[in-house]
Amino acid sequence: MTRRASMELVEEKERLEVLKREQLPRMRAVAEKWRNGTAISSVVLAVLTATGGSKRLDVLVDVARTWTLIVLAVLAVSVVVSLIAAMRASFGWPVRVKALKAGALRAWETKELITAYVCLRLSLISAAIAVVALFAATGLLLLAPHLPGK
């Protein structure tokens, strides 16, 4: 092994350590942006549902109304799960870390990074389910059979 090769290995190892230190803050920053977008979308969706949804439900036949309510419940649960998971990914969870042993803080960071990743992924999947449910509910409200005379 030459001196140049060993210097490159040292530089690569230092770069890897910097990347490891920055992983959790980067994940939190991405999750924070996602959380903000999810929160804004949730508020807009709630306002739209509250202002116009109940009027449209009243004119549907019973079966269509029941299915629309089921889809809206799936939508609401998906939005709430997405928001909670995004918050967990962006903020973390208050915990005291006992860093008495060498590597304890790094082990906690690794565990927290994995947790943030899983929560962010859960948030994205829940948001996708919410979007599908939104389209399904909109389709039911617009295309389902309506009561005669309404």
N, C-alpha and C. Protein backbone atom coordinates (compact mmCIF):
# COMPACT_ATOMS: atom_id res chain seq x y z
N MET A 1 0.86 -1.18 0.00
CA MET A 1 0.00 0.00 0.00
C MET A 1 0.90 1.24 0.00
N THR A 2 0.60 2.14 -0.86
CA THR A 2 1.42 3.34 -0.96
C THR A 2 0.91 4.40 0.00
N ARG A 3 1.73 5.41 0.21
CA ARG A 3 1.36 6.50 1.10
C ARG A 3 0.13 7.24 0.55
N ARG A 4 0.08 7.40 -0.78
CA ARG A 4 -1.07 8.09 -1.40
C ARG A 4 -2.37 7.31 -1.16
N ALA A 5 -2.29 6.01 -1.31
CA ALA A 5 -3.49 5.18 -1.09
C ALA A 5 -3.95 5.27 0.36
N SER A 6 -3.02 5.28 1.29
CA SER A 6 -3.41 5.36 2.70
C SER A 6 -3.99 6.74 3.02
N MET A 7 -3.50 7.80 2.39
CA MET A 7 -4.07 9.13 2.60
C MET A 7 -5.49 9.20 2.04
N GLU A 8 -5.71 8.57 0.91
CA GLU A 8 -7.06 8.54 0.34
C GLU A 8 -8.02 7.78 1.24
N LEU A 9 -7.55 6.70 1.84
CA LEU A 9 -8.39 5.94 2.77
C LEU A 9 -8.75 6.77 4.00
N VAL A 10 -7.79 7.51 4.51
CA VAL A 10 -8.04 8.37 5.67
C VAL A 10 -9.05 9.45 5.31
N GLU A 11 -8.89 10.07 4.14
CA GLU A 11 -9.83 11.11 3.70
C GLU A 11 -11.23 10.53 3.50
N GLU A 12 -11.30 9.33 2.94
CA GLU A 12 -12.60 8.69 2.74
C GLU A 12 -13.25 8.37 4.08
N LYS A 13 -12.47 7.91 5.02
CA LYS A 13 -13.01 7.61 6.35
C LYS A 13 -13.52 8.87 7.03
N GLU A 14 -12.80 9.97 6.90
CA GLU A 14 -13.23 11.25 7.48
C GLU A 14 -14.53 11.72 6.81
N ARG A 15 -14.61 11.57 5.49
CA ARG A 15 -15.84 11.94 4.78
C ARG A 15 -17.02 11.10 5.22
N LEU A 16 -16.79 9.83 5.42
CA LEU A 16 -17.86 8.95 5.91
C LEU A 16 -18.33 9.36 7.30
N GLU A 17 -17.42 9.74 8.15
CA GLU A 17 -17.79 10.20 9.50
C GLU A 17 -18.62 11.47 9.44
N VAL A 18 -18.26 12.39 8.55
CA VAL A 18 -19.05 13.61 8.38
C VAL A 18 -20.45 13.27 7.88
N LEU A 19 -20.54 12.36 6.91
CA LEU A 19 -21.85 11.95 6.40
C LEU A 19 -22.69 11.30 7.49
N LYS A 20 -22.06 10.47 8.32
CA LYS A 20 -22.79 9.83 9.42
C LYS A 20 -23.34 10.87 10.39
N ARG A 21 -22.53 11.88 10.71
CA ARG A 21 -22.97 12.91 11.64
C ARG A 21 -24.12 13.74 11.07
N GLU A 22 -24.14 13.93 9.76
CA GLU A 22 -25.15 14.78 9.14
C GLU A 22 -26.41 14.04 8.73
N GLN A 23 -26.43 12.71 8.82
CA GLN A 23 -27.58 11.95 8.36
C GLN A 23 -28.86 12.30 9.11
N LEU A 24 -28.82 12.28 10.42
CA LEU A 24 -30.04 12.54 11.20
C LEU A 24 -30.55 13.96 11.00
N PRO A 25 -29.69 14.98 11.07
CA PRO A 25 -30.22 16.33 10.80
C PRO A 25 -30.79 16.48 9.40
N ARG A 26 -30.20 15.84 8.42
CA ARG A 26 -30.75 15.91 7.06
C ARG A 26 -32.11 15.23 6.97
N MET A 27 -32.22 14.07 7.61
CA MET A 27 -33.50 13.35 7.61
C MET A 27 -34.56 14.19 8.30
N ARG A 28 -34.21 14.82 9.41
CA ARG A 28 -35.16 15.67 10.13
C ARG A 28 -35.59 16.86 9.27
N ALA A 29 -34.66 17.44 8.51
CA ALA A 29 -35.00 18.58 7.65
C ALA A 29 -35.97 18.18 6.55
N VAL A 30 -35.74 17.02 5.94
CA VAL A 30 -36.66 16.53 4.91
C VAL A 30 -38.03 16.25 5.52
N ALA A 31 -38.04 15.60 6.68
CA ALA A 31 -39.30 15.28 7.34
C ALA A 31 -40.04 16.54 7.77
N GLU A 32 -39.30 17.57 8.15
CA GLU A 32 -39.93 18.84 8.56
C GLU A 32 -40.66 19.48 7.38
N LYS A 33 -40.03 19.47 6.22
CA LYS A 33 -40.69 20.03 5.03
C LYS A 33 -41.93 19.21 4.66
N TRP A 34 -41.80 17.90 4.75
CA TRP A 34 -42.94 17.04 4.45
C TRP A 34 -44.06 17.27 5.45
N ARG A 35 -43.69 17.41 6.73
CA ARG A 35 -44.69 17.65 7.78
C ARG A 35 -45.45 18.94 7.53
N ASN A 36 -44.75 19.99 7.15
CA ASN A 36 -45.41 21.27 6.88
C ASN A 36 -46.39 21.15 5.72
N GLY A 37 -45.98 20.49 4.66
CA GLY A 37 -46.87 20.29 3.53
C GLY A 37 -48.08 19.44 3.89
N THR A 38 -47.86 18.41 4.69
CA THR A 38 -48.95 17.55 5.13
C THR A 38 -49.93 18.32 6.00
N ALA A 39 -49.41 19.14 6.90
CA ALA A 39 -50.29 19.92 7.78
C ALA A 39 -51.14 20.90 6.99
N ILE A 40 -50.54 21.59 6.05
CA ILE A 40 -51.29 22.55 5.23
C ILE A 40 -52.36 21.83 4.41
N SER A 41 -51.98 20.70 3.82
CA SER A 41 -52.94 19.93 3.04
C SER A 41 -54.09 19.42 3.90
N SER A 42 -53.79 19.02 5.11
CA SER A 42 -54.83 18.53 6.04
C SER A 42 -55.84 19.63 6.36
N VAL A 43 -55.33 20.82 6.61
CA VAL A 43 -56.23 21.94 6.93
C VAL A 43 -57.12 22.27 5.73
N VAL A 44 -56.52 22.34 4.55
CA VAL A 44 -57.29 22.65 3.34
C VAL A 44 -58.35 21.57 3.10
N LEU A 45 -57.97 20.31 3.26
CA LEU A 45 -58.91 19.22 3.06
C LEU A 45 -60.04 19.27 4.08
N ALA A 46 -59.72 19.56 5.32
CA ALA A 46 -60.76 19.65 6.36
C ALA A 46 -61.73 20.78 6.07
N VAL A 47 -61.22 21.92 5.63
CA VAL A 47 -62.09 23.06 5.32
C VAL A 47 -63.00 22.73 4.14
N LEU A 48 -62.44 22.13 3.10
CA LEU A 48 -63.26 21.77 1.94
C LEU A 48 -64.33 20.74 2.29
N THR A 49 -63.97 19.78 3.10
CA THR A 49 -64.94 18.76 3.51
C THR A 49 -66.04 19.36 4.37
N ALA A 50 -65.65 20.22 5.30
CA ALA A 50 -66.64 20.82 6.20
C ALA A 50 -67.59 21.75 5.47
N THR A 51 -67.10 22.46 4.48
CA THR A 51 -67.95 23.45 3.80
C THR A 51 -68.87 22.85 2.76
N GLY A 52 -68.43 21.83 2.03
CA GLY A 52 -69.27 21.35 0.94
C GLY A 52 -69.65 19.89 1.00
N GLY A 53 -68.99 19.12 1.83
CA GLY A 53 -69.21 17.68 1.83
C GLY A 53 -70.56 17.25 2.34
N SER A 54 -71.05 17.86 3.40
CA SER A 54 -72.32 17.40 3.99
C SER A 54 -73.51 17.65 3.06
N LYS A 55 -73.48 18.72 2.31
CA LYS A 55 -74.56 19.01 1.36
C LYS A 55 -74.61 17.94 0.27
N ARG A 56 -73.46 17.52 -0.19
CA ARG A 56 -73.40 16.51 -1.25
C ARG A 56 -73.81 15.14 -0.73
N LEU A 57 -73.53 14.85 0.53
CA LEU A 57 -73.89 13.55 1.10
C LEU A 57 -75.40 13.38 1.23
N ASP A 58 -76.10 14.45 1.50
CA ASP A 58 -77.54 14.37 1.73
C ASP A 58 -78.32 13.89 0.51
N VAL A 59 -77.78 14.10 -0.68
CA VAL A 59 -78.52 13.75 -1.89
C VAL A 59 -78.21 12.35 -2.40
N LEU A 60 -77.28 11.64 -1.77
CA LEU A 60 -76.92 10.30 -2.23
C LEU A 60 -77.89 9.26 -1.67
N VAL A 61 -78.05 8.18 -2.43
CA VAL A 61 -78.85 7.07 -1.91
C VAL A 61 -78.10 6.42 -0.76
N ASP A 62 -78.81 5.62 0.05
CA ASP A 62 -78.23 5.09 1.28
C ASP A 62 -76.93 4.30 1.07
N VAL A 63 -76.90 3.43 0.10
CA VAL A 63 -75.70 2.60 -0.14
C VAL A 63 -74.52 3.50 -0.53
N ALA A 64 -74.75 4.42 -1.43
CA ALA A 64 -73.69 5.32 -1.87
C ALA A 64 -73.22 6.20 -0.72
N ARG A 65 -74.16 6.66 0.12
CA ARG A 65 -73.81 7.48 1.27
C ARG A 65 -72.93 6.68 2.24
N THR A 66 -73.31 5.43 2.48
CA THR A 66 -72.53 4.58 3.39
C THR A 66 -71.11 4.39 2.88
N TRP A 67 -70.97 4.04 1.61
CA TRP A 67 -69.63 3.85 1.04
C TRP A 67 -68.84 5.15 1.03
N THR A 68 -69.49 6.24 0.76
CA THR A 68 -68.79 7.53 0.77
C THR A 68 -68.29 7.85 2.18
N LEU A 69 -69.10 7.58 3.19
CA LEU A 69 -68.67 7.81 4.57
C LEU A 69 -67.52 6.89 4.97
N ILE A 70 -67.55 5.65 4.51
CA ILE A 70 -66.44 4.72 4.78
C ILE A 70 -65.16 5.24 4.15
N VAL A 71 -65.24 5.67 2.89
CA VAL A 71 -64.06 6.18 2.20
C VAL A 71 -63.57 7.46 2.87
N LEU A 72 -64.49 8.32 3.30
CA LEU A 72 -64.08 9.54 4.00
C LEU A 72 -63.43 9.23 5.35
N ALA A 73 -63.88 8.17 6.01
CA ALA A 73 -63.25 7.75 7.27
C ALA A 73 -61.83 7.25 7.01
N VAL A 74 -61.65 6.46 5.94
CA VAL A 74 -60.31 6.01 5.57
C VAL A 74 -59.43 7.21 5.25
N LEU A 75 -59.99 8.17 4.55
CA LEU A 75 -59.26 9.40 4.22
C LEU A 75 -58.82 10.13 5.49
N ALA A 76 -59.74 10.30 6.43
CA ALA A 76 -59.42 11.02 7.66
C ALA A 76 -58.35 10.29 8.47
N VAL A 77 -58.48 8.99 8.60
CA VAL A 77 -57.49 8.21 9.36
C VAL A 77 -56.13 8.28 8.68
N SER A 78 -56.11 8.17 7.36
CA SER A 78 -54.84 8.23 6.62
C SER A 78 -54.16 9.58 6.80
N VAL A 79 -54.93 10.65 6.76
CA VAL A 79 -54.36 11.99 6.93
C VAL A 79 -53.79 12.14 8.33
N VAL A 80 -54.52 11.68 9.33
CA VAL A 80 -54.04 11.80 10.72
C VAL A 80 -52.78 10.97 10.93
N VAL A 81 -52.77 9.73 10.43
CA VAL A 81 -51.58 8.88 10.56
C VAL A 81 -50.39 9.53 9.85
N SER A 82 -50.63 10.05 8.66
CA SER A 82 -49.56 10.70 7.91
C SER A 82 -48.99 11.89 8.67
N LEU A 83 -49.88 12.69 9.25
CA LEU A 83 -49.42 13.86 10.00
C LEU A 83 -48.66 13.47 11.26
N ILE A 84 -49.16 12.49 12.01
CA ILE A 84 -48.48 12.05 13.23
C ILE A 84 -47.11 11.46 12.90
N ALA A 85 -47.05 10.62 11.87
CA ALA A 85 -45.77 10.01 11.50
C ALA A 85 -44.78 11.06 11.01
N ALA A 86 -45.26 12.05 10.28
CA ALA A 86 -44.37 13.13 9.81
C ALA A 86 -43.85 13.95 10.99
N MET A 87 -44.71 14.19 11.97
CA MET A 87 -44.27 14.92 13.16
C MET A 87 -43.21 14.13 13.92
N ARG A 88 -43.44 12.83 14.06
CA ARG A 88 -42.47 11.99 14.78
C ARG A 88 -41.14 11.98 14.04
N ALA A 89 -41.19 11.91 12.73
CA ALA A 89 -39.95 11.88 11.94
C ALA A 89 -39.21 13.21 12.02
N SER A 90 -39.95 14.31 12.08
CA SER A 90 -39.29 15.62 12.06
C SER A 90 -38.82 16.07 13.43
N PHE A 91 -39.57 15.77 14.48
CA PHE A 91 -39.20 16.23 15.82
C PHE A 91 -38.41 15.20 16.60
N GLY A 92 -38.70 13.94 16.37
CA GLY A 92 -38.14 12.91 17.23
C GLY A 92 -39.02 12.76 18.45
N TRP A 93 -38.49 12.14 19.45
CA TRP A 93 -39.23 11.91 20.68
C TRP A 93 -38.30 12.27 21.82
N PRO A 94 -38.78 13.07 22.79
CA PRO A 94 -37.88 13.45 23.89
C PRO A 94 -37.40 12.22 24.66
N VAL A 95 -36.12 12.09 24.77
CA VAL A 95 -35.55 10.95 25.48
C VAL A 95 -34.19 11.35 26.03
N ARG A 96 -33.87 10.79 27.16
CA ARG A 96 -32.54 11.01 27.73
C ARG A 96 -31.65 9.87 27.29
N VAL A 97 -30.52 10.22 26.75
CA VAL A 97 -29.58 9.21 26.27
C VAL A 97 -28.44 9.10 27.27
N LYS A 98 -28.22 7.88 27.73
CA LYS A 98 -27.09 7.64 28.62
C LYS A 98 -25.88 7.34 27.74
N ALA A 99 -25.03 8.32 27.61
CA ALA A 99 -23.85 8.18 26.75
C ALA A 99 -22.63 7.87 27.61
N LEU A 100 -22.76 6.91 28.51
CA LEU A 100 -21.66 6.56 29.39
C LEU A 100 -20.65 5.66 28.69
N LYS A 101 -21.12 4.88 27.76
CA LYS A 101 -20.23 3.98 27.05
C LYS A 101 -19.83 4.60 25.72
N ALA A 102 -18.67 4.20 25.25
CA ALA A 102 -18.21 4.67 23.95
C ALA A 102 -19.16 4.16 22.88
N GLY A 103 -19.61 5.04 22.02
CA GLY A 103 -20.49 4.65 20.93
C GLY A 103 -21.97 4.66 21.28
N ALA A 104 -22.33 4.99 22.52
CA ALA A 104 -23.74 4.98 22.91
C ALA A 104 -24.52 6.07 22.17
N LEU A 105 -23.94 7.24 22.04
CA LEU A 105 -24.61 8.32 21.32
C LEU A 105 -24.76 7.97 19.85
N ARG A 106 -23.74 7.38 19.27
CA ARG A 106 -23.81 6.98 17.86
C ARG A 106 -24.86 5.89 17.68
N ALA A 107 -24.96 4.97 18.63
CA ALA A 107 -25.97 3.91 18.54
C ALA A 107 -27.37 4.52 18.62
N TRP A 108 -27.55 5.51 19.50
CA TRP A 108 -28.85 6.17 19.60
C TRP A 108 -29.18 6.90 18.30
N GLU A 109 -28.19 7.60 17.74
CA GLU A 109 -28.41 8.32 16.48
C GLU A 109 -28.80 7.36 15.37
N THR A 110 -28.14 6.22 15.30
CA THR A 110 -28.47 5.23 14.28
C THR A 110 -29.89 4.72 14.47
N LYS A 111 -30.26 4.41 15.70
CA LYS A 111 -31.62 3.94 15.99
C LYS A 111 -32.64 5.03 15.66
N GLU A 112 -32.34 6.26 16.01
CA GLU A 112 -33.25 7.38 15.74
C GLU A 112 -33.37 7.64 14.25
N LEU A 113 -32.29 7.48 13.52
CA LEU A 113 -32.31 7.65 12.07
C LEU A 113 -33.22 6.61 11.43
N ILE A 114 -33.12 5.38 11.87
CA ILE A 114 -33.97 4.31 11.34
C ILE A 114 -35.43 4.59 11.68
N THR A 115 -35.69 5.03 12.91
CA THR A 115 -37.06 5.36 13.32
C THR A 115 -37.62 6.51 12.48
N ALA A 116 -36.82 7.55 12.27
CA ALA A 116 -37.26 8.69 11.46
C ALA A 116 -37.55 8.25 10.03
N TYR A 117 -36.71 7.38 9.50
CA TYR A 117 -36.91 6.88 8.14
C TYR A 117 -38.22 6.09 8.05
N VAL A 118 -38.45 5.21 9.01
CA VAL A 118 -39.68 4.40 9.01
C VAL A 118 -40.91 5.30 9.15
N CYS A 119 -40.83 6.29 10.03
CA CYS A 119 -41.97 7.20 10.23
C CYS A 119 -42.23 8.03 8.98
N LEU A 120 -41.18 8.50 8.34
CA LEU A 120 -41.35 9.28 7.11
C LEU A 120 -41.96 8.41 6.01
N ARG A 121 -41.51 7.18 5.92
CA ARG A 121 -42.06 6.27 4.92
C ARG A 121 -43.53 5.97 5.21
N LEU A 122 -43.87 5.75 6.49
CA LEU A 122 -45.26 5.54 6.87
C LEU A 122 -46.11 6.75 6.52
N SER A 123 -45.57 7.94 6.74
CA SER A 123 -46.28 9.16 6.41
C SER A 123 -46.54 9.26 4.91
N LEU A 124 -45.55 8.92 4.12
CA LEU A 124 -45.71 8.97 2.66
C LEU A 124 -46.75 7.96 2.18
N ILE A 125 -46.71 6.76 2.72
CA ILE A 125 -47.67 5.72 2.34
C ILE A 125 -49.08 6.13 2.76
N SER A 126 -49.21 6.67 3.97
CA SER A 126 -50.52 7.13 4.44
C SER A 126 -51.05 8.27 3.58
N ALA A 127 -50.17 9.15 3.18
CA ALA A 127 -50.59 10.25 2.31
C ALA A 127 -51.05 9.73 0.95
N ALA A 128 -50.37 8.71 0.43
CA ALA A 128 -50.79 8.12 -0.84
C ALA A 128 -52.17 7.48 -0.70
N ILE A 129 -52.40 6.80 0.41
CA ILE A 129 -53.72 6.21 0.67
C ILE A 129 -54.77 7.31 0.76
N ALA A 130 -54.42 8.41 1.41
CA ALA A 130 -55.35 9.53 1.53
C ALA A 130 -55.70 10.12 0.17
N VAL A 131 -54.73 10.22 -0.70
CA VAL A 131 -54.99 10.76 -2.04
C VAL A 131 -55.93 9.83 -2.81
N VAL A 132 -55.68 8.53 -2.73
CA VAL A 132 -56.57 7.57 -3.40
C VAL A 132 -57.98 7.66 -2.82
N ALA A 133 -58.07 7.75 -1.49
CA ALA A 133 -59.38 7.86 -0.84
C ALA A 133 -60.07 9.17 -1.23
N LEU A 134 -59.30 10.24 -1.37
CA LEU A 134 -59.88 11.52 -1.80
C LEU A 134 -60.50 11.40 -3.19
N PHE A 135 -59.77 10.78 -4.11
CA PHE A 135 -60.31 10.59 -5.46
C PHE A 135 -61.54 9.68 -5.43
N ALA A 136 -61.49 8.63 -4.62
CA ALA A 136 -62.64 7.72 -4.53
C ALA A 136 -63.85 8.44 -3.95
N ALA A 137 -63.64 9.23 -2.90
CA ALA A 137 -64.75 9.97 -2.29
C ALA A 137 -65.32 11.00 -3.27
N THR A 138 -64.45 11.67 -3.99
CA THR A 138 -64.91 12.65 -4.98
C THR A 138 -65.72 11.96 -6.07
N GLY A 139 -65.22 10.81 -6.53
CA GLY A 139 -65.95 10.06 -7.54
C GLY A 139 -67.31 9.60 -7.04
N LEU A 140 -67.36 9.14 -5.79
CA LEU A 140 -68.64 8.72 -5.22
C LEU A 140 -69.60 9.90 -5.09
N LEU A 141 -69.09 11.02 -4.64
CA LEU A 141 -69.96 12.19 -4.47
C LEU A 141 -70.51 12.70 -5.80
N LEU A 142 -69.71 12.60 -6.84
CA LEU A 142 -70.13 13.14 -8.13
C LEU A 142 -70.90 12.13 -8.99
N LEU A 143 -70.52 10.85 -8.90
CA LEU A 143 -71.05 9.88 -9.85
C LEU A 143 -72.03 8.87 -9.25
N ALA A 144 -72.12 8.79 -7.94
CA ALA A 144 -73.03 7.81 -7.32
C ALA A 144 -74.48 8.21 -7.56
N PRO A 145 -75.37 7.22 -7.50
CA PRO A 145 -76.79 7.54 -7.70
C PRO A 145 -77.30 8.52 -6.64
N HIS A 146 -78.08 9.46 -7.10
CA HIS A 146 -78.65 10.47 -6.21
C HIS A 146 -80.13 10.16 -5.94
N LEU A 147 -80.63 10.68 -4.85
CA LEU A 147 -82.05 10.51 -4.53
C LEU A 147 -82.89 11.25 -5.57
N PRO A 148 -84.05 10.69 -5.92
CA PRO A 148 -84.89 11.37 -6.91
C PRO A 148 -85.35 12.74 -6.39
N GLY A 149 -85.33 13.70 -7.25
CA GLY A 149 -85.80 15.04 -6.91
C GLY A 149 -84.78 15.89 -6.18
N LYS A 150 -83.54 15.41 -5.99
CA LYS A 150 -82.54 16.23 -5.28
C LYS A 150 -81.35 16.48 -6.14
